[in-house]
Amino acid sequence: MQKYLSGLLICCLAIGLLGCNVSVNKSIHVDDGEIRNSGFSTVNGSITIGNNCKINGSCNTVNGRIEVGGNTELEDLHTVNGSIALGENTTAEEVGTVNGEITCDEGVVIRGDIGTINGSLRLTKTVIKHNIETHNGDITLRNESRVFGDIFIEETKGDNDKVLAIKITENSIVEGNIVVEDKGRRVEVLLLKGGKVLGNIKGAKVIDGN
């Protein structure tokens, strides 16, 4: 659990030590078709990766967004203050953000975990091989998205008066469980247009519109 948070801490530590391939006040751009044999990090800058790329290493930023084109192969993606957007048919190992949303276009495959702390997740025809985790972010699974693991709503120390929504629609499927670990959090699971949860739903209100 919270594997992606550990990744974010490692990201910040690596950037703080200013190791290899680290920029401070600079954005990073990778052109279409490039192959990089190592990852890269930046403190105050965005990361833009083109189409048909292969990155053999982690891509991290503290203050900046990460945008990835289609048909690209990646390892880990982490940002603290910024969004992450993955183009069609892209694969990644682990994806996480603290303050920012994550969006995945059709055909994206995440081989590990995907998660946020304060950010929504919008997945379109996306495959998540492991778990989805969030503290304060709404989750939308649409157009035959599939989660092979579980969805966890983690505990938060902040304001949890907001109703957190998990929308599973257009024949999307969660094969595992949905578990609300924050007992004070109100969570609604909306099942629409053939959306299903094959496991158990614990601690959330289910609204079945099928």
N, C-alpha and C. Protein backbone atom coordinates (compact mmCIF):
# COMPACT_ATOMS: atom_id res chain seq x y z
N MET A 1 0.83 -1.20 0.00
CA MET A 1 0.00 0.00 0.00
C MET A 1 0.87 1.26 0.00
N GLN A 2 0.34 2.31 -0.61
CA GLN A 2 1.01 3.62 -0.69
C GLN A 2 2.40 3.51 -1.32
N LYS A 3 2.56 2.57 -2.23
CA LYS A 3 3.84 2.41 -2.90
C LYS A 3 4.24 3.66 -3.64
N TYR A 4 3.26 4.31 -4.29
CA TYR A 4 3.57 5.49 -5.07
C TYR A 4 4.03 6.64 -4.19
N LEU A 5 3.58 6.70 -2.93
CA LEU A 5 4.04 7.74 -2.02
C LEU A 5 5.52 7.56 -1.70
N SER A 6 5.95 6.32 -1.54
CA SER A 6 7.37 6.06 -1.34
C SER A 6 8.17 6.53 -2.54
N GLY A 7 7.60 6.30 -3.73
CA GLY A 7 8.26 6.76 -4.93
C GLY A 7 8.41 8.26 -4.96
N LEU A 8 7.40 8.97 -4.51
CA LEU A 8 7.47 10.43 -4.48
C LEU A 8 8.52 10.91 -3.49
N LEU A 9 8.64 10.25 -2.36
CA LEU A 9 9.66 10.62 -1.39
C LEU A 9 11.05 10.39 -1.97
N ILE A 10 11.22 9.28 -2.65
CA ILE A 10 12.50 9.01 -3.31
C ILE A 10 12.79 10.06 -4.36
N CYS A 11 11.75 10.44 -5.09
CA CYS A 11 11.89 11.48 -6.10
C CYS A 11 12.41 12.77 -5.49
N CYS A 12 11.80 13.22 -4.41
CA CYS A 12 12.19 14.47 -3.77
C CYS A 12 13.61 14.38 -3.21
N LEU A 13 13.95 13.23 -2.64
CA LEU A 13 15.29 13.06 -2.09
C LEU A 13 16.33 13.11 -3.21
N ALA A 14 16.04 12.43 -4.29
CA ALA A 14 16.99 12.41 -5.41
C ALA A 14 17.19 13.81 -5.97
N ILE A 15 16.09 14.55 -6.12
CA ILE A 15 16.21 15.91 -6.65
C ILE A 15 16.95 16.80 -5.66
N GLY A 16 16.67 16.61 -4.38
CA GLY A 16 17.33 17.42 -3.37
C GLY A 16 18.83 17.22 -3.35
N LEU A 17 19.26 16.00 -3.67
CA LEU A 17 20.69 15.72 -3.71
C LEU A 17 21.33 16.14 -5.04
N LEU A 18 20.49 16.59 -6.00
CA LEU A 18 20.99 17.03 -7.30
C LEU A 18 21.90 15.98 -7.94
N GLY A 19 21.33 14.81 -8.10
CA GLY A 19 22.08 13.73 -8.73
C GLY A 19 22.09 13.88 -10.24
N CYS A 20 22.36 12.79 -10.94
CA CYS A 20 22.49 12.81 -12.39
C CYS A 20 21.15 13.14 -13.05
N ASN A 21 21.24 13.84 -14.17
CA ASN A 21 20.07 14.16 -14.99
C ASN A 21 19.01 14.94 -14.24
N VAL A 22 19.44 15.85 -13.36
CA VAL A 22 18.52 16.68 -12.60
C VAL A 22 18.65 18.13 -13.05
N SER A 23 17.53 18.75 -13.39
CA SER A 23 17.48 20.18 -13.70
C SER A 23 16.82 20.90 -12.55
N VAL A 24 17.15 22.18 -12.38
CA VAL A 24 16.55 22.93 -11.28
C VAL A 24 15.41 23.80 -11.79
N ASN A 25 15.69 24.83 -12.57
CA ASN A 25 14.64 25.71 -13.07
C ASN A 25 14.54 25.56 -14.59
N LYS A 26 14.20 24.37 -15.02
CA LYS A 26 14.20 24.08 -16.45
C LYS A 26 13.21 22.97 -16.76
N SER A 27 12.44 23.17 -17.82
CA SER A 27 11.56 22.11 -18.30
C SER A 27 12.34 21.15 -19.18
N ILE A 28 11.82 19.93 -19.30
CA ILE A 28 12.49 18.87 -20.07
C ILE A 28 11.57 18.46 -21.21
N HIS A 29 12.14 18.38 -22.42
CA HIS A 29 11.36 17.97 -23.60
C HIS A 29 12.06 16.82 -24.31
N VAL A 30 11.31 15.76 -24.60
CA VAL A 30 11.82 14.61 -25.34
C VAL A 30 11.06 14.54 -26.66
N ASP A 31 11.78 14.59 -27.77
CA ASP A 31 11.16 14.58 -29.09
C ASP A 31 10.59 13.21 -29.45
N ASP A 32 9.69 13.21 -30.41
CA ASP A 32 9.09 11.97 -30.90
C ASP A 32 10.17 10.96 -31.29
N GLY A 33 9.94 9.72 -30.89
CA GLY A 33 10.81 8.63 -31.32
C GLY A 33 12.11 8.49 -30.56
N GLU A 34 12.36 9.34 -29.57
CA GLU A 34 13.63 9.25 -28.84
C GLU A 34 13.64 8.06 -27.89
N ILE A 35 14.83 7.50 -27.70
CA ILE A 35 15.07 6.46 -26.69
C ILE A 35 16.07 7.02 -25.70
N ARG A 36 15.70 7.02 -24.42
CA ARG A 36 16.59 7.49 -23.36
C ARG A 36 16.95 6.32 -22.47
N ASN A 37 18.23 6.15 -22.20
CA ASN A 37 18.69 5.02 -21.39
C ASN A 37 18.69 5.31 -19.90
N SER A 38 18.22 6.48 -19.51
CA SER A 38 18.07 6.81 -18.09
C SER A 38 16.93 7.80 -17.94
N GLY A 39 16.42 7.91 -16.73
CA GLY A 39 15.36 8.85 -16.46
C GLY A 39 15.91 10.24 -16.20
N PHE A 40 15.03 11.15 -15.77
CA PHE A 40 15.45 12.52 -15.49
C PHE A 40 14.47 13.15 -14.52
N SER A 41 14.94 14.21 -13.86
CA SER A 41 14.14 14.90 -12.86
C SER A 41 14.34 16.41 -12.98
N THR A 42 13.35 17.16 -12.55
CA THR A 42 13.47 18.61 -12.51
C THR A 42 12.74 19.13 -11.27
N VAL A 43 13.19 20.28 -10.78
CA VAL A 43 12.55 20.85 -9.59
C VAL A 43 11.41 21.76 -10.01
N ASN A 44 11.71 22.83 -10.73
CA ASN A 44 10.69 23.78 -11.17
C ASN A 44 10.61 23.74 -12.69
N GLY A 45 9.88 22.79 -13.20
CA GLY A 45 9.75 22.65 -14.64
C GLY A 45 8.87 21.48 -14.99
N SER A 46 8.30 21.56 -16.19
CA SER A 46 7.45 20.47 -16.67
C SER A 46 8.27 19.47 -17.45
N ILE A 47 7.69 18.29 -17.67
CA ILE A 47 8.31 17.24 -18.48
C ILE A 47 7.34 16.89 -19.61
N THR A 48 7.82 17.02 -20.84
CA THR A 48 7.01 16.68 -22.01
C THR A 48 7.72 15.61 -22.81
N ILE A 49 7.05 14.49 -23.03
CA ILE A 49 7.62 13.35 -23.76
C ILE A 49 6.75 13.10 -24.98
N GLY A 50 7.38 12.97 -26.15
CA GLY A 50 6.64 12.84 -27.39
C GLY A 50 6.06 11.46 -27.64
N ASN A 51 5.67 11.23 -28.88
CA ASN A 51 5.11 9.95 -29.30
C ASN A 51 6.22 8.95 -29.60
N ASN A 52 5.90 7.66 -29.42
CA ASN A 52 6.80 6.57 -29.84
C ASN A 52 8.18 6.66 -29.17
N CYS A 53 8.20 7.04 -27.92
CA CYS A 53 9.45 7.14 -27.17
C CYS A 53 9.61 5.94 -26.24
N LYS A 54 10.83 5.75 -25.76
CA LYS A 54 11.10 4.75 -24.73
C LYS A 54 12.05 5.37 -23.73
N ILE A 55 11.62 5.40 -22.46
CA ILE A 55 12.41 6.00 -21.38
C ILE A 55 12.74 4.91 -20.38
N ASN A 56 14.02 4.57 -20.27
CA ASN A 56 14.46 3.52 -19.34
C ASN A 56 14.90 4.14 -18.02
N GLY A 57 13.93 4.64 -17.29
CA GLY A 57 14.22 5.26 -16.00
C GLY A 57 13.02 6.07 -15.54
N SER A 58 13.08 6.57 -14.30
CA SER A 58 11.99 7.32 -13.71
C SER A 58 12.02 8.78 -14.16
N CYS A 59 10.84 9.37 -14.29
CA CYS A 59 10.70 10.79 -14.64
C CYS A 59 9.98 11.48 -13.49
N ASN A 60 10.64 12.48 -12.88
CA ASN A 60 10.12 13.11 -11.66
C ASN A 60 10.21 14.63 -11.75
N THR A 61 9.21 15.30 -11.21
CA THR A 61 9.27 16.74 -11.06
C THR A 61 8.59 17.14 -9.76
N VAL A 62 9.04 18.25 -9.19
CA VAL A 62 8.40 18.75 -7.97
C VAL A 62 7.27 19.72 -8.34
N ASN A 63 7.61 20.77 -9.08
CA ASN A 63 6.63 21.78 -9.46
C ASN A 63 6.50 21.82 -10.98
N GLY A 64 5.65 20.99 -11.51
CA GLY A 64 5.45 20.96 -12.96
C GLY A 64 4.62 19.77 -13.37
N ARG A 65 4.04 19.89 -14.54
CA ARG A 65 3.20 18.81 -15.07
C ARG A 65 4.06 17.83 -15.87
N ILE A 66 3.49 16.64 -16.11
CA ILE A 66 4.12 15.64 -16.97
C ILE A 66 3.11 15.29 -18.06
N GLU A 67 3.52 15.45 -19.32
CA GLU A 67 2.68 15.11 -20.45
C GLU A 67 3.41 14.10 -21.34
N VAL A 68 2.72 13.03 -21.70
CA VAL A 68 3.33 11.95 -22.48
C VAL A 68 2.47 11.70 -23.71
N GLY A 69 3.12 11.60 -24.88
CA GLY A 69 2.41 11.30 -26.11
C GLY A 69 2.01 9.84 -26.21
N GLY A 70 1.55 9.45 -27.37
CA GLY A 70 1.06 8.09 -27.56
C GLY A 70 2.15 7.09 -27.89
N ASN A 71 1.83 5.81 -27.63
CA ASN A 71 2.71 4.70 -28.01
C ASN A 71 4.11 4.83 -27.41
N THR A 72 4.17 5.29 -26.20
CA THR A 72 5.44 5.49 -25.50
C THR A 72 5.54 4.51 -24.34
N GLU A 73 6.77 4.03 -24.07
CA GLU A 73 7.02 3.08 -22.99
C GLU A 73 7.85 3.76 -21.91
N LEU A 74 7.35 3.69 -20.67
CA LEU A 74 7.96 4.42 -19.56
C LEU A 74 8.13 3.51 -18.35
N GLU A 75 8.91 4.01 -17.39
CA GLU A 75 8.93 3.38 -16.07
C GLU A 75 8.06 4.22 -15.13
N ASP A 76 8.61 4.76 -14.04
CA ASP A 76 7.79 5.50 -13.08
C ASP A 76 7.65 6.96 -13.46
N LEU A 77 6.48 7.54 -13.13
CA LEU A 77 6.22 8.96 -13.31
C LEU A 77 5.71 9.51 -11.99
N HIS A 78 6.37 10.56 -11.46
CA HIS A 78 5.95 11.16 -10.20
C HIS A 78 6.03 12.68 -10.29
N THR A 79 5.03 13.35 -9.76
CA THR A 79 5.10 14.79 -9.60
C THR A 79 4.45 15.17 -8.27
N VAL A 80 4.94 16.24 -7.67
CA VAL A 80 4.35 16.71 -6.41
C VAL A 80 3.24 17.70 -6.70
N ASN A 81 3.57 18.80 -7.38
CA ASN A 81 2.58 19.83 -7.69
C ASN A 81 2.42 19.94 -9.20
N GLY A 82 1.55 19.13 -9.75
CA GLY A 82 1.33 19.15 -11.18
C GLY A 82 0.52 17.95 -11.63
N SER A 83 -0.06 18.07 -12.81
CA SER A 83 -0.87 16.99 -13.37
C SER A 83 -0.01 16.03 -14.17
N ILE A 84 -0.58 14.85 -14.46
CA ILE A 84 0.06 13.87 -15.33
C ILE A 84 -0.96 13.45 -16.37
N ALA A 85 -0.57 13.50 -17.66
CA ALA A 85 -1.45 13.10 -18.75
C ALA A 85 -0.71 12.11 -19.64
N LEU A 86 -1.32 10.95 -19.87
CA LEU A 86 -0.72 9.89 -20.69
C LEU A 86 -1.53 9.71 -21.96
N GLY A 87 -0.82 9.71 -23.12
CA GLY A 87 -1.47 9.56 -24.41
C GLY A 87 -1.82 8.12 -24.72
N GLU A 88 -2.48 7.91 -25.84
CA GLU A 88 -3.00 6.61 -26.23
C GLU A 88 -1.91 5.54 -26.33
N ASN A 89 -2.26 4.36 -25.84
CA ASN A 89 -1.41 3.16 -25.99
C ASN A 89 -0.04 3.30 -25.36
N THR A 90 0.04 4.12 -24.34
CA THR A 90 1.29 4.28 -23.59
C THR A 90 1.30 3.31 -22.42
N THR A 91 2.47 2.81 -22.05
CA THR A 91 2.60 1.93 -20.90
C THR A 91 3.55 2.57 -19.89
N ALA A 92 3.25 2.39 -18.61
CA ALA A 92 4.10 2.90 -17.53
C ALA A 92 4.07 1.92 -16.38
N GLU A 93 5.08 2.03 -15.53
CA GLU A 93 5.18 1.12 -14.39
C GLU A 93 4.35 1.59 -13.21
N GLU A 94 4.60 2.80 -12.77
CA GLU A 94 3.93 3.36 -11.59
C GLU A 94 3.73 4.85 -11.81
N VAL A 95 2.56 5.37 -11.43
CA VAL A 95 2.24 6.78 -11.68
C VAL A 95 1.65 7.37 -10.41
N GLY A 96 2.19 8.51 -9.96
CA GLY A 96 1.67 9.12 -8.74
C GLY A 96 1.87 10.61 -8.70
N THR A 97 0.92 11.32 -8.09
CA THR A 97 1.01 12.76 -7.89
C THR A 97 0.43 13.12 -6.54
N VAL A 98 0.92 14.21 -5.96
CA VAL A 98 0.36 14.70 -4.70
C VAL A 98 -0.77 15.67 -4.99
N ASN A 99 -0.46 16.79 -5.64
CA ASN A 99 -1.46 17.82 -5.94
C ASN A 99 -1.61 17.97 -7.44
N GLY A 100 -2.46 17.19 -8.02
CA GLY A 100 -2.68 17.25 -9.45
C GLY A 100 -3.44 16.03 -9.93
N GLU A 101 -4.21 16.21 -11.02
CA GLU A 101 -4.98 15.10 -11.54
C GLU A 101 -4.14 14.23 -12.46
N ILE A 102 -4.63 13.00 -12.66
CA ILE A 102 -4.03 12.07 -13.60
C ILE A 102 -5.08 11.70 -14.63
N THR A 103 -4.72 11.82 -15.92
CA THR A 103 -5.63 11.41 -16.99
C THR A 103 -4.91 10.41 -17.89
N CYS A 104 -5.65 9.38 -18.31
CA CYS A 104 -5.11 8.36 -19.21
C CYS A 104 -6.05 8.19 -20.39
N ASP A 105 -5.48 8.27 -21.60
CA ASP A 105 -6.27 8.07 -22.81
C ASP A 105 -6.41 6.59 -23.13
N GLU A 106 -7.12 6.30 -24.20
CA GLU A 106 -7.43 4.92 -24.56
C GLU A 106 -6.17 4.09 -24.80
N GLY A 107 -6.19 2.88 -24.28
CA GLY A 107 -5.11 1.94 -24.50
C GLY A 107 -3.94 2.04 -23.54
N VAL A 108 -4.01 2.95 -22.59
CA VAL A 108 -2.93 3.06 -21.60
C VAL A 108 -2.93 1.83 -20.70
N VAL A 109 -1.73 1.35 -20.38
CA VAL A 109 -1.57 0.24 -19.44
C VAL A 109 -0.61 0.68 -18.34
N ILE A 110 -1.06 0.58 -17.09
CA ILE A 110 -0.21 0.84 -15.92
C ILE A 110 0.09 -0.51 -15.29
N ARG A 111 1.37 -0.89 -15.28
CA ARG A 111 1.74 -2.23 -14.82
C ARG A 111 1.75 -2.36 -13.30
N GLY A 112 1.85 -1.25 -12.58
CA GLY A 112 1.85 -1.27 -11.13
C GLY A 112 0.70 -0.48 -10.56
N ASP A 113 1.00 0.38 -9.56
CA ASP A 113 -0.02 1.20 -8.91
C ASP A 113 -0.15 2.55 -9.59
N ILE A 114 -1.31 3.17 -9.41
CA ILE A 114 -1.54 4.55 -9.81
C ILE A 114 -2.24 5.24 -8.66
N GLY A 115 -1.84 6.48 -8.33
CA GLY A 115 -2.46 7.09 -7.17
C GLY A 115 -2.20 8.58 -7.06
N THR A 116 -3.07 9.23 -6.27
CA THR A 116 -2.95 10.65 -5.97
C THR A 116 -3.23 10.86 -4.49
N ILE A 117 -2.86 12.04 -4.02
CA ILE A 117 -3.32 12.46 -2.70
C ILE A 117 -4.46 13.47 -2.86
N ASN A 118 -4.18 14.60 -3.50
CA ASN A 118 -5.21 15.62 -3.73
C ASN A 118 -5.37 15.83 -5.23
N GLY A 119 -5.95 14.88 -5.90
CA GLY A 119 -6.13 15.00 -7.33
C GLY A 119 -7.04 13.91 -7.84
N SER A 120 -7.81 14.24 -8.88
CA SER A 120 -8.72 13.26 -9.46
C SER A 120 -8.00 12.34 -10.41
N LEU A 121 -8.62 11.21 -10.71
CA LEU A 121 -8.11 10.25 -11.69
C LEU A 121 -9.20 10.03 -12.74
N ARG A 122 -8.86 10.26 -14.01
CA ARG A 122 -9.80 10.10 -15.11
C ARG A 122 -9.20 9.12 -16.12
N LEU A 123 -9.73 7.91 -16.15
CA LEU A 123 -9.15 6.83 -16.94
C LEU A 123 -10.13 6.40 -18.03
N THR A 124 -9.66 6.41 -19.28
CA THR A 124 -10.49 6.05 -20.42
C THR A 124 -9.89 4.82 -21.11
N LYS A 125 -10.64 3.74 -21.11
CA LYS A 125 -10.19 2.47 -21.73
C LYS A 125 -8.75 2.16 -21.31
N THR A 126 -8.54 2.21 -20.02
CA THR A 126 -7.21 2.05 -19.42
C THR A 126 -7.18 0.76 -18.60
N VAL A 127 -6.02 0.10 -18.60
CA VAL A 127 -5.83 -1.11 -17.81
C VAL A 127 -4.88 -0.80 -16.66
N ILE A 128 -5.31 -1.07 -15.43
CA ILE A 128 -4.47 -0.94 -14.24
C ILE A 128 -4.21 -2.35 -13.73
N LYS A 129 -2.95 -2.78 -13.81
CA LYS A 129 -2.63 -4.15 -13.44
C LYS A 129 -2.66 -4.39 -11.94
N HIS A 130 -2.46 -3.31 -11.15
CA HIS A 130 -2.43 -3.49 -9.70
C HIS A 130 -3.52 -2.63 -9.07
N ASN A 131 -3.16 -1.65 -8.21
CA ASN A 131 -4.16 -0.92 -7.43
C ASN A 131 -4.27 0.56 -7.82
N ILE A 132 -5.42 1.14 -7.47
CA ILE A 132 -5.62 2.59 -7.49
C ILE A 132 -5.72 3.04 -6.05
N GLU A 133 -5.00 4.15 -5.71
CA GLU A 133 -5.04 4.68 -4.35
C GLU A 133 -5.21 6.19 -4.40
N THR A 134 -6.05 6.72 -3.51
CA THR A 134 -6.19 8.16 -3.39
C THR A 134 -6.62 8.52 -1.98
N HIS A 135 -6.40 9.78 -1.62
CA HIS A 135 -6.90 10.31 -0.35
C HIS A 135 -8.11 11.20 -0.58
N ASN A 136 -8.00 12.15 -1.50
CA ASN A 136 -9.04 13.17 -1.67
C ASN A 136 -9.51 13.32 -3.11
N GLY A 137 -9.17 12.41 -3.98
CA GLY A 137 -9.49 12.58 -5.40
C GLY A 137 -10.63 11.70 -5.88
N ASP A 138 -11.51 12.29 -6.69
CA ASP A 138 -12.54 11.51 -7.36
C ASP A 138 -11.90 10.60 -8.40
N ILE A 139 -12.57 9.50 -8.70
CA ILE A 139 -12.06 8.52 -9.66
C ILE A 139 -13.14 8.26 -10.70
N THR A 140 -12.76 8.33 -11.98
CA THR A 140 -13.68 8.00 -13.06
C THR A 140 -13.05 6.94 -13.96
N LEU A 141 -13.75 5.82 -14.11
CA LEU A 141 -13.34 4.75 -15.02
C LEU A 141 -14.39 4.66 -16.12
N ARG A 142 -13.96 4.85 -17.38
CA ARG A 142 -14.94 4.85 -18.47
C ARG A 142 -14.41 4.08 -19.67
N ASN A 143 -15.35 3.75 -20.55
CA ASN A 143 -15.04 3.12 -21.83
C ASN A 143 -14.20 1.84 -21.66
N GLU A 144 -14.74 0.91 -20.89
CA GLU A 144 -14.14 -0.43 -20.71
C GLU A 144 -12.78 -0.40 -20.03
N SER A 145 -12.58 0.53 -19.13
CA SER A 145 -11.38 0.49 -18.29
C SER A 145 -11.46 -0.72 -17.38
N ARG A 146 -10.28 -1.20 -16.94
CA ARG A 146 -10.25 -2.40 -16.11
C ARG A 146 -9.17 -2.28 -15.04
N VAL A 147 -9.55 -2.52 -13.80
CA VAL A 147 -8.63 -2.53 -12.67
C VAL A 147 -8.53 -3.96 -12.18
N PHE A 148 -7.34 -4.54 -12.27
CA PHE A 148 -7.17 -5.93 -11.86
C PHE A 148 -7.00 -6.06 -10.35
N GLY A 149 -6.60 -4.99 -9.68
CA GLY A 149 -6.43 -5.01 -8.24
C GLY A 149 -7.58 -4.33 -7.52
N ASP A 150 -7.26 -3.59 -6.47
CA ASP A 150 -8.25 -2.93 -5.62
C ASP A 150 -8.20 -1.42 -5.79
N ILE A 151 -9.23 -0.76 -5.29
CA ILE A 151 -9.25 0.69 -5.14
C ILE A 151 -9.28 1.01 -3.65
N PHE A 152 -8.28 1.77 -3.18
CA PHE A 152 -8.20 2.15 -1.77
C PHE A 152 -8.41 3.64 -1.61
N ILE A 153 -9.26 4.02 -0.67
CA ILE A 153 -9.41 5.40 -0.24
C ILE A 153 -8.71 5.51 1.10
N GLU A 154 -7.53 6.14 1.08
CA GLU A 154 -6.68 6.18 2.26
C GLU A 154 -7.15 7.24 3.25
N GLU A 155 -6.68 7.12 4.48
CA GLU A 155 -7.01 8.10 5.52
C GLU A 155 -6.38 9.45 5.21
N THR A 156 -7.08 10.51 5.59
CA THR A 156 -6.57 11.86 5.40
C THR A 156 -6.73 12.64 6.69
N LYS A 157 -5.77 13.55 6.93
CA LYS A 157 -5.84 14.39 8.13
C LYS A 157 -6.56 15.71 7.87
N GLY A 158 -6.87 15.97 6.62
CA GLY A 158 -7.49 17.24 6.26
C GLY A 158 -9.01 17.17 6.34
N ASP A 159 -9.64 18.14 5.66
CA ASP A 159 -11.09 18.25 5.62
C ASP A 159 -11.65 17.11 4.78
N ASN A 160 -12.49 16.29 5.39
CA ASN A 160 -13.06 15.18 4.64
C ASN A 160 -14.58 15.27 4.56
N ASP A 161 -15.11 16.51 4.57
CA ASP A 161 -16.55 16.70 4.45
C ASP A 161 -17.04 16.45 3.02
N LYS A 162 -16.17 16.63 2.06
CA LYS A 162 -16.55 16.42 0.67
C LYS A 162 -16.88 14.95 0.41
N VAL A 163 -17.93 14.74 -0.39
CA VAL A 163 -18.26 13.38 -0.82
C VAL A 163 -17.33 13.00 -1.96
N LEU A 164 -16.58 11.94 -1.79
CA LEU A 164 -15.66 11.46 -2.82
C LEU A 164 -16.42 10.48 -3.72
N ALA A 165 -16.34 10.71 -5.03
CA ALA A 165 -17.11 9.91 -5.98
C ALA A 165 -16.20 8.97 -6.77
N ILE A 166 -16.61 7.71 -6.86
CA ILE A 166 -15.95 6.73 -7.72
C ILE A 166 -16.98 6.33 -8.78
N LYS A 167 -16.77 6.78 -10.01
CA LYS A 167 -17.71 6.54 -11.09
C LYS A 167 -17.16 5.46 -12.01
N ILE A 168 -17.89 4.36 -12.11
CA ILE A 168 -17.48 3.23 -12.94
C ILE A 168 -18.55 3.06 -14.01
N THR A 169 -18.19 3.37 -15.25
CA THR A 169 -19.21 3.46 -16.29
C THR A 169 -18.72 2.89 -17.61
N GLU A 170 -19.65 2.69 -18.54
CA GLU A 170 -19.36 2.25 -19.90
C GLU A 170 -18.58 0.93 -19.91
N ASN A 171 -19.14 -0.06 -19.18
CA ASN A 171 -18.59 -1.42 -19.14
C ASN A 171 -17.20 -1.51 -18.52
N SER A 172 -16.85 -0.56 -17.70
CA SER A 172 -15.59 -0.66 -16.96
C SER A 172 -15.76 -1.63 -15.80
N ILE A 173 -14.66 -2.26 -15.38
CA ILE A 173 -14.73 -3.31 -14.35
C ILE A 173 -13.61 -3.14 -13.35
N VAL A 174 -13.94 -3.26 -12.08
CA VAL A 174 -12.96 -3.40 -11.00
C VAL A 174 -13.02 -4.85 -10.55
N GLU A 175 -11.94 -5.59 -10.78
CA GLU A 175 -11.96 -7.01 -10.44
C GLU A 175 -11.78 -7.25 -8.94
N GLY A 176 -11.10 -6.34 -8.26
CA GLY A 176 -10.88 -6.49 -6.83
C GLY A 176 -11.93 -5.78 -6.01
N ASN A 177 -11.50 -5.29 -4.83
CA ASN A 177 -12.39 -4.63 -3.89
C ASN A 177 -12.27 -3.12 -3.97
N ILE A 178 -13.27 -2.43 -3.45
CA ILE A 178 -13.16 -1.00 -3.15
C ILE A 178 -13.20 -0.88 -1.64
N VAL A 179 -12.14 -0.32 -1.06
CA VAL A 179 -11.99 -0.28 0.40
C VAL A 179 -11.79 1.16 0.84
N VAL A 180 -12.69 1.64 1.69
CA VAL A 180 -12.56 2.98 2.27
C VAL A 180 -11.91 2.82 3.64
N GLU A 181 -10.63 3.18 3.73
CA GLU A 181 -9.91 3.03 4.99
C GLU A 181 -10.09 4.23 5.91
N ASP A 182 -10.57 5.35 5.36
CA ASP A 182 -10.86 6.53 6.16
C ASP A 182 -12.30 6.44 6.63
N LYS A 183 -12.50 6.12 7.90
CA LYS A 183 -13.84 5.86 8.42
C LYS A 183 -14.72 7.10 8.44
N GLY A 184 -14.11 8.29 8.44
CA GLY A 184 -14.90 9.52 8.44
C GLY A 184 -15.23 10.04 7.05
N ARG A 185 -14.78 9.37 6.03
CA ARG A 185 -14.97 9.83 4.66
C ARG A 185 -16.26 9.29 4.07
N ARG A 186 -17.03 10.18 3.43
CA ARG A 186 -18.22 9.75 2.70
C ARG A 186 -17.81 9.47 1.25
N VAL A 187 -18.05 8.25 0.82
CA VAL A 187 -17.66 7.83 -0.52
C VAL A 187 -18.88 7.22 -1.21
N GLU A 188 -19.10 7.63 -2.45
CA GLU A 188 -20.18 7.06 -3.26
C GLU A 188 -19.58 6.34 -4.47
N VAL A 189 -20.02 5.12 -4.69
CA VAL A 189 -19.62 4.34 -5.85
C VAL A 189 -20.79 4.31 -6.82
N LEU A 190 -20.62 4.92 -7.98
CA LEU A 190 -21.68 4.99 -8.98
C LEU A 190 -21.41 3.97 -10.07
N LEU A 191 -22.33 3.03 -10.25
CA LEU A 191 -22.23 2.00 -11.28
C LEU A 191 -23.21 2.35 -12.38
N LEU A 192 -22.66 2.69 -13.57
CA LEU A 192 -23.49 3.18 -14.66
C LEU A 192 -23.11 2.49 -15.97
N LYS A 193 -24.07 2.30 -16.83
CA LYS A 193 -23.84 1.82 -18.20
C LYS A 193 -22.95 0.58 -18.23
N GLY A 194 -23.28 -0.39 -17.40
CA GLY A 194 -22.56 -1.66 -17.40
C GLY A 194 -21.33 -1.70 -16.52
N GLY A 195 -21.06 -0.65 -15.75
CA GLY A 195 -19.93 -0.66 -14.83
C GLY A 195 -20.14 -1.66 -13.71
N LYS A 196 -19.06 -2.37 -13.32
CA LYS A 196 -19.17 -3.43 -12.32
C LYS A 196 -17.99 -3.43 -11.36
N VAL A 197 -18.24 -3.90 -10.14
CA VAL A 197 -17.20 -4.23 -9.17
C VAL A 197 -17.39 -5.70 -8.83
N LEU A 198 -16.39 -6.52 -9.16
CA LEU A 198 -16.53 -7.96 -8.94
C LEU A 198 -16.22 -8.36 -7.50
N GLY A 199 -15.43 -7.55 -6.81
CA GLY A 199 -15.12 -7.83 -5.41
C GLY A 199 -16.13 -7.18 -4.47
N ASN A 200 -15.69 -6.93 -3.25
CA ASN A 200 -16.54 -6.32 -2.23
C ASN A 200 -16.34 -4.81 -2.20
N ILE A 201 -17.39 -4.11 -1.79
CA ILE A 201 -17.32 -2.66 -1.59
C ILE A 201 -17.51 -2.40 -0.10
N LYS A 202 -16.45 -1.86 0.53
CA LYS A 202 -16.44 -1.71 1.99
C LYS A 202 -16.33 -0.24 2.37
N GLY A 203 -17.35 0.25 3.09
CA GLY A 203 -17.32 1.60 3.63
C GLY A 203 -17.82 2.66 2.70
N ALA A 204 -18.45 2.30 1.60
CA ALA A 204 -18.95 3.27 0.63
C ALA A 204 -20.43 3.01 0.32
N LYS A 205 -21.10 4.06 -0.07
CA LYS A 205 -22.49 3.94 -0.53
C LYS A 205 -22.49 3.60 -2.00
N VAL A 206 -23.28 2.59 -2.38
CA VAL A 206 -23.34 2.14 -3.77
C VAL A 206 -24.59 2.70 -4.42
N ILE A 207 -24.43 3.35 -5.56
CA ILE A 207 -25.56 3.84 -6.35
C ILE A 207 -25.51 3.08 -7.68
N ASP A 208 -26.41 2.13 -7.83
CA ASP A 208 -26.41 1.26 -9.00
C ASP A 208 -27.42 1.77 -10.02
N GLY A 209 -26.90 2.39 -11.08
CA GLY A 209 -27.77 2.92 -12.12
C GLY A 209 -27.90 2.01 -13.32
N ASN A 210 -27.41 0.79 -13.21
CA ASN A 210 -27.47 -0.14 -14.34
C ASN A 210 -28.89 -0.69 -14.52
